[in-house]
């Protein structure tokens, strides 16, 4: 199969090591592209929910293939998220063509682009709420197993599969508020810092849209996830596009957003605390 040449690709929220990860579909996508730069924008390996009894071969094949891509010349930036935050103490470490960090600033076609996972804007990853979020992650894996059992029964009866997690999310009105607040805050900080584009993950919602503020406008892009949406971002010749992998054949396809996000404990007053967040985000400068 001929690989597609791509200047830059972004994937996030693969959650390798969990039942919901579409590792095989992710591997198919990685094998189909030849990017100059690959940004792994957080929650790639789910350390929060890591279980030594569950790490299928397909998940390991993804990791091995990423290493192979780096060996062949692809520059890989691994940006940590909340589920792989244990790696943050190693931020700034490089190994060949792989750089581990917590954020990334690149200049693409003369425009300054800011990459980061996005969990810093989520109050469920801070303080005591974080403990509940980790417990929620365990419950999420159980939900996936239960959903898979239900779908097996439905298939044996000749009926269509259902996504329990999707129905839960669509039935919770706070989900919309959570997502909108997250996007607005990321956009506002990006404008304040003079970025033309902000690239996030975390909320598992693929998106490309221009956001307008009194101070200016910014392009907000989100890479989605490889739990349900199976999406990536691609950048070529000044244009961002969302790639969706359609070959969803595994029984894991019913998973939706992480229970971390499903808690939707998002404080609207966070907008008043933007200066504090900006100091945290940019205190170390551009690495």
Protein backbone atom coordinates (compact mmCIF):
# COMPACT_ATOMS: atom_id res chain seq x y z
CA UNK A 1 0.00 0.00 0.00
CA UNK A 2 1.35 3.42 -0.98
CA UNK A 3 1.71 5.77 1.97
CA UNK A 4 0.27 9.28 1.90
CA UNK A 5 2.85 12.02 2.33
CA UNK A 6 1.83 14.39 5.15
CA UNK A 7 3.70 17.36 6.56
CA UNK A 8 2.21 16.97 10.04
CA UNK A 9 -0.25 14.60 11.71
CA UNK A 10 -1.75 14.77 15.20
CA UNK A 11 -3.34 11.94 17.18
CA UNK A 12 -4.44 11.94 20.80
CA UNK A 13 -6.45 9.98 23.34
CA UNK A 14 -5.63 6.54 22.04
CA UNK A 15 -5.74 5.15 25.61
CA UNK A 16 -3.51 2.17 24.83
CA UNK A 17 -3.94 -0.45 27.52
CA UNK A 18 -7.72 -0.05 27.89
CA UNK A 19 -10.60 -2.08 26.47
CA UNK A 20 -11.95 0.82 24.43
CA UNK A 21 -8.81 1.50 22.41
CA UNK A 22 -9.08 0.80 18.67
CA UNK A 23 -5.44 -0.18 18.41
CA UNK A 24 -5.83 -2.16 15.19
CA UNK A 25 -7.55 0.73 13.42
CA UNK A 26 -4.90 3.13 14.73
CA UNK A 27 -2.16 0.87 13.42
CA UNK A 28 -3.85 0.74 10.02
CA UNK A 29 -3.87 4.55 9.92
CA UNK A 30 -0.24 4.90 10.99
CA UNK A 31 0.82 2.43 8.30
CA UNK A 32 -1.03 4.46 5.66
CA UNK A 33 0.82 7.75 6.22
CA UNK A 34 4.37 9.07 5.93
CA UNK A 35 4.45 12.27 8.02
CA UNK A 36 7.43 14.54 8.46
CA UNK A 37 6.14 15.38 11.95
CA UNK A 38 3.84 13.34 14.21
CA UNK A 39 2.41 14.90 17.37
CA UNK A 40 1.09 12.48 20.00
CA UNK A 41 -1.05 14.92 21.93
CA UNK A 42 -1.65 13.17 25.23
CA UNK A 43 -3.37 10.14 26.75
CA UNK A 44 -1.52 7.82 24.38
CA UNK A 45 -0.72 5.16 26.98
CA UNK A 46 -3.38 5.05 29.69
CA UNK A 47 -1.18 4.81 32.78
CA UNK A 48 -4.10 5.71 35.05
CA UNK A 49 -5.89 2.48 34.12
CA UNK A 50 -2.88 0.36 33.29
CA UNK A 51 -3.31 -3.33 34.08
CA UNK A 52 -0.42 -5.72 33.48
CA UNK A 53 -2.98 -8.43 32.72
CA UNK A 54 -4.40 -6.46 29.79
CA UNK A 55 -2.10 -5.12 27.09
CA UNK A 56 -2.99 -6.91 23.83
CA UNK A 57 -0.51 -7.50 21.03
CA UNK A 58 -2.22 -4.89 18.84
CA UNK A 59 -1.50 -2.23 21.48
CA UNK A 60 2.15 -3.24 21.62
CA UNK A 61 2.32 -3.24 17.83
CA UNK A 62 1.26 0.43 17.84
CA UNK A 63 4.14 1.34 20.15
CA UNK A 64 6.62 -0.64 18.09
CA UNK A 65 5.43 0.96 14.88
CA UNK A 66 5.78 4.45 16.36
CA UNK A 67 9.38 3.63 17.22
CA UNK A 68 9.86 2.35 13.68
CA UNK A 69 8.49 5.62 12.26
CA UNK A 70 10.99 7.57 14.35
CA UNK A 71 13.82 5.35 13.15
CA UNK A 72 12.83 6.06 9.54
CA UNK A 73 12.99 9.83 10.03
CA UNK A 74 9.60 11.01 11.33
CA UNK A 75 10.00 13.63 14.06
CA UNK A 76 7.71 12.55 16.91
CA UNK A 77 6.60 14.83 19.73
CA UNK A 78 4.98 13.01 22.64
CA UNK A 79 3.01 15.56 24.67
CA UNK A 80 1.71 14.24 27.97
CA UNK A 81 -1.95 14.25 29.01
CA UNK A 82 -3.62 13.52 32.33
CA UNK A 83 -3.78 9.75 31.77
CA UNK A 84 -0.05 9.60 31.05
CA UNK A 85 0.92 12.42 33.43
CA UNK A 86 3.42 10.11 35.16
CA UNK A 87 5.71 10.90 32.23
CA UNK A 88 5.65 14.65 32.91
CA UNK A 89 8.61 14.47 35.25
CA UNK A 90 10.65 13.53 32.16
CA UNK A 91 9.48 16.53 30.09
CA UNK A 92 12.23 17.84 27.86
CA UNK A 93 13.76 14.40 27.36
CA UNK A 94 14.67 13.37 23.83
CA UNK A 95 15.62 10.03 22.36
CA UNK A 96 16.63 10.17 18.72
CA UNK A 97 13.67 11.56 16.78
CA UNK A 98 11.32 11.37 19.78
CA UNK A 99 10.86 14.33 22.15
CA UNK A 100 8.79 14.06 25.32
CA UNK A 101 7.27 17.30 26.62
CA UNK A 102 4.10 18.82 28.06
CA UNK A 103 3.50 21.38 25.32
CA UNK A 104 4.82 22.31 21.91
CA UNK A 105 5.07 25.51 19.91
CA UNK A 106 5.78 25.23 16.19
CA UNK A 107 5.85 27.74 13.37
CA UNK A 108 3.89 26.42 10.40
CA UNK A 109 3.92 28.52 7.22
CA UNK A 110 4.87 31.58 9.22
CA UNK A 111 2.13 31.10 11.84
CA UNK A 112 2.70 30.25 15.49
CA UNK A 113 0.84 27.08 16.54
CA UNK A 114 0.40 25.90 20.13
CA UNK A 115 -0.05 22.18 20.87
CA UNK A 116 -1.06 20.83 24.28
CA UNK A 117 -3.39 18.15 25.62
CA UNK A 118 -5.84 20.44 27.44
CA UNK A 119 -6.35 18.80 30.83
CA UNK A 120 -5.04 21.87 32.64
CA UNK A 121 -8.40 23.51 31.89
CA UNK A 122 -10.40 20.64 33.37
CA UNK A 123 -11.16 20.95 37.09
CA UNK A 124 -11.80 17.19 37.28
CA UNK A 125 -8.07 16.62 36.91
CA UNK A 126 -7.22 18.87 39.85
CA UNK A 127 -7.21 18.21 43.60
CA UNK A 128 -9.68 15.78 45.15
CA UNK A 129 -11.75 15.59 41.97
CA UNK A 130 -8.78 13.87 40.38
CA UNK A 131 -9.17 10.85 42.69
CA UNK A 132 -12.80 10.53 41.64
CA UNK A 133 -11.74 10.87 38.02
CA UNK A 134 -9.34 7.94 38.34
CA UNK A 135 -12.06 5.83 39.91
CA UNK A 136 -14.35 6.91 37.08
CA UNK A 137 -11.77 5.65 34.60
CA UNK A 138 -11.99 2.18 36.15
CA UNK A 139 -15.77 2.33 35.94
CA UNK A 140 -15.49 3.36 32.31
CA UNK A 141 -13.58 0.20 31.45
CA UNK A 142 -16.28 -1.87 33.15
CA UNK A 143 -18.90 0.01 31.14
CA UNK A 144 -17.10 -0.94 27.94
CA UNK A 145 -17.07 -4.61 28.92
CA UNK A 146 -20.77 -4.48 29.78
CA UNK A 147 -21.55 -2.68 26.53
CA UNK A 148 -19.66 -5.34 24.59
CA UNK A 149 -21.66 -8.09 26.30
CA UNK A 150 -24.93 -6.33 25.44
CA UNK A 151 -23.88 -5.90 21.81
CA UNK A 152 -22.96 -9.57 21.50
CA UNK A 153 -26.46 -10.44 22.66
CA UNK A 154 -28.03 -7.96 20.23
CA UNK A 155 -25.97 -9.32 17.33
CA UNK A 156 -27.02 -12.88 18.14
CA UNK A 157 -30.63 -11.66 17.92
CA UNK A 158 -29.97 -9.96 14.58
CA UNK A 159 -30.26 -6.45 16.00
CA UNK A 160 -27.99 -3.42 15.68
CA UNK A 161 -25.34 -2.55 18.24
CA UNK A 162 -25.86 0.29 20.69
CA UNK A 163 -23.44 2.66 22.41
CA UNK A 164 -24.45 3.00 26.05
CA UNK A 165 -21.79 5.62 26.73
CA UNK A 166 -22.98 7.67 23.74
CA UNK A 167 -26.51 7.65 25.09
CA UNK A 168 -25.31 8.64 28.54
CA UNK A 169 -23.41 11.59 27.11
CA UNK A 170 -26.21 12.74 24.85
CA UNK A 171 -28.59 12.63 27.79
CA UNK A 172 -26.46 14.85 29.99
CA UNK A 173 -26.95 18.52 29.11
CA UNK A 174 -23.84 19.51 31.05
CA UNK A 175 -21.74 17.77 28.41
CA UNK A 176 -22.42 20.57 25.93
CA UNK A 177 -21.48 23.21 28.52
CA UNK A 178 -18.31 21.34 29.41
CA UNK A 179 -17.13 21.09 25.82
CA UNK A 180 -18.03 24.70 24.96
CA UNK A 181 -16.24 26.04 28.04
CA UNK A 182 -13.14 23.99 27.30
CA UNK A 183 -12.95 25.23 23.71
CA UNK A 184 -13.60 28.85 24.68
CA UNK A 185 -10.89 28.85 27.34
CA UNK A 186 -8.32 27.23 25.07
CA UNK A 187 -9.14 29.76 22.36
CA UNK A 188 -9.00 32.74 24.71
CA UNK A 189 -5.59 31.78 26.11
CA UNK A 190 -4.26 31.18 22.59
CA UNK A 191 -5.38 34.65 21.47
CA UNK A 192 -3.88 36.25 24.59
CA UNK A 193 -0.54 34.58 23.85
CA UNK A 194 -0.51 35.55 20.19
CA UNK A 195 -1.02 32.12 18.63
CA UNK A 196 -2.81 31.75 15.31
CA UNK A 197 -3.84 28.14 16.05
CA UNK A 198 -4.36 26.03 19.16
CA UNK A 199 -4.31 22.23 18.87
CA UNK A 200 -5.88 20.19 21.69
CA UNK A 201 -7.13 16.73 22.58
CA UNK A 202 -8.63 15.61 25.91
CA UNK A 203 -12.38 16.04 25.28
CA UNK A 204 -12.58 13.44 22.49
CA UNK A 205 -14.43 15.83 20.18
CA UNK A 206 -12.81 16.30 16.72
CA UNK A 207 -13.23 19.91 15.66
CA UNK A 208 -11.89 22.62 13.38
CA UNK A 209 -13.35 26.10 13.76
CA UNK A 210 -12.35 29.73 13.95
CA UNK A 211 -13.10 31.41 17.27
CA UNK A 212 -13.57 35.16 17.55
CA UNK A 213 -12.77 37.27 20.62
CA UNK A 214 -12.52 41.03 21.21
CA UNK A 215 -8.72 40.65 21.16
CA UNK A 216 -8.69 38.77 17.85
CA UNK A 217 -9.42 35.37 16.37
CA UNK A 218 -7.80 31.94 16.55
CA UNK A 219 -8.21 28.63 14.79
CA UNK A 220 -9.19 25.93 17.29
CA UNK A 221 -8.54 22.33 16.23
CA UNK A 222 -9.05 19.11 18.20
CA UNK A 223 -7.79 15.70 17.14
CA UNK A 224 -10.64 13.73 18.73
CA UNK A 225 -9.77 10.19 19.89
CA UNK A 226 -9.27 6.52 19.00
CA UNK A 227 -11.98 5.24 21.32
CA UNK A 228 -15.06 6.02 19.29
CA UNK A 229 -14.36 8.69 16.67
CA UNK A 230 -11.09 7.21 15.33
CA UNK A 231 -9.86 10.59 14.12
CA UNK A 232 -6.59 12.40 13.49
CA UNK A 233 -5.60 15.88 12.39
CA UNK A 234 -3.53 16.41 9.26
CA UNK A 235 -1.75 19.56 8.14
CA UNK A 236 -0.66 20.09 4.54
CA UNK A 237 0.03 23.26 2.52
CA UNK A 238 -1.44 25.57 5.14
CA UNK A 239 -4.66 23.60 5.59
CA UNK A 240 -5.90 21.57 8.58
CA UNK A 241 -8.20 18.62 7.94
CA UNK A 242 -9.79 15.91 10.12
CA UNK A 243 -9.09 12.36 9.04
CA UNK A 244 -11.66 9.73 10.07
CA UNK A 245 -10.78 6.06 9.90
CA UNK A 246 -13.90 4.28 8.68
CA UNK A 247 -12.77 0.67 9.01
CA UNK A 248 -14.19 0.17 12.48
CA UNK A 249 -14.56 -3.60 12.71
CA UNK A 250 -13.68 -4.47 16.28
CA UNK A 251 -16.20 -5.10 19.02
CA UNK A 252 -14.73 -2.23 21.01
CA UNK A 253 -16.48 0.43 18.93
CA UNK A 254 -19.14 1.24 21.51
CA UNK A 255 -16.85 3.19 23.78
CA UNK A 256 -17.26 6.93 24.07
CA UNK A 257 -15.54 9.64 26.07
CA UNK A 258 -13.59 8.84 29.20
CA UNK A 259 -15.45 8.85 32.52
CA UNK A 260 -13.03 11.59 33.47
CA UNK A 261 -14.82 13.82 31.01
CA UNK A 262 -18.19 12.20 31.75
CA UNK A 263 -18.18 13.70 35.24
CA UNK A 264 -18.49 17.15 33.63
CA UNK A 265 -17.45 18.97 36.82
CA UNK A 266 -16.27 22.05 34.97
CA UNK A 267 -16.18 25.42 36.75
CA UNK A 268 -17.47 28.29 34.64
CA UNK A 269 -15.53 30.73 36.84
CA UNK A 270 -12.31 29.36 35.36
CA UNK A 271 -12.40 32.20 32.83
CA UNK A 272 -11.63 34.59 35.69
CA UNK A 273 -8.48 32.61 36.46
CA UNK A 274 -6.88 32.74 33.01
CA UNK A 275 -3.86 34.82 34.11
CA UNK A 276 -2.91 32.13 36.64
CA UNK A 277 -3.23 29.40 34.01
CA UNK A 278 -1.18 31.40 31.52
CA UNK A 279 1.62 31.80 34.05
CA UNK A 280 1.65 28.04 34.61
CA UNK A 281 1.56 27.19 30.93
CA UNK A 282 4.25 29.55 29.75
CA UNK A 283 6.58 29.96 32.72
CA UNK A 284 9.18 27.67 31.11
CA UNK A 285 9.05 29.37 27.72
CA UNK A 286 9.27 27.74 24.32
CA UNK A 287 11.42 24.64 24.48
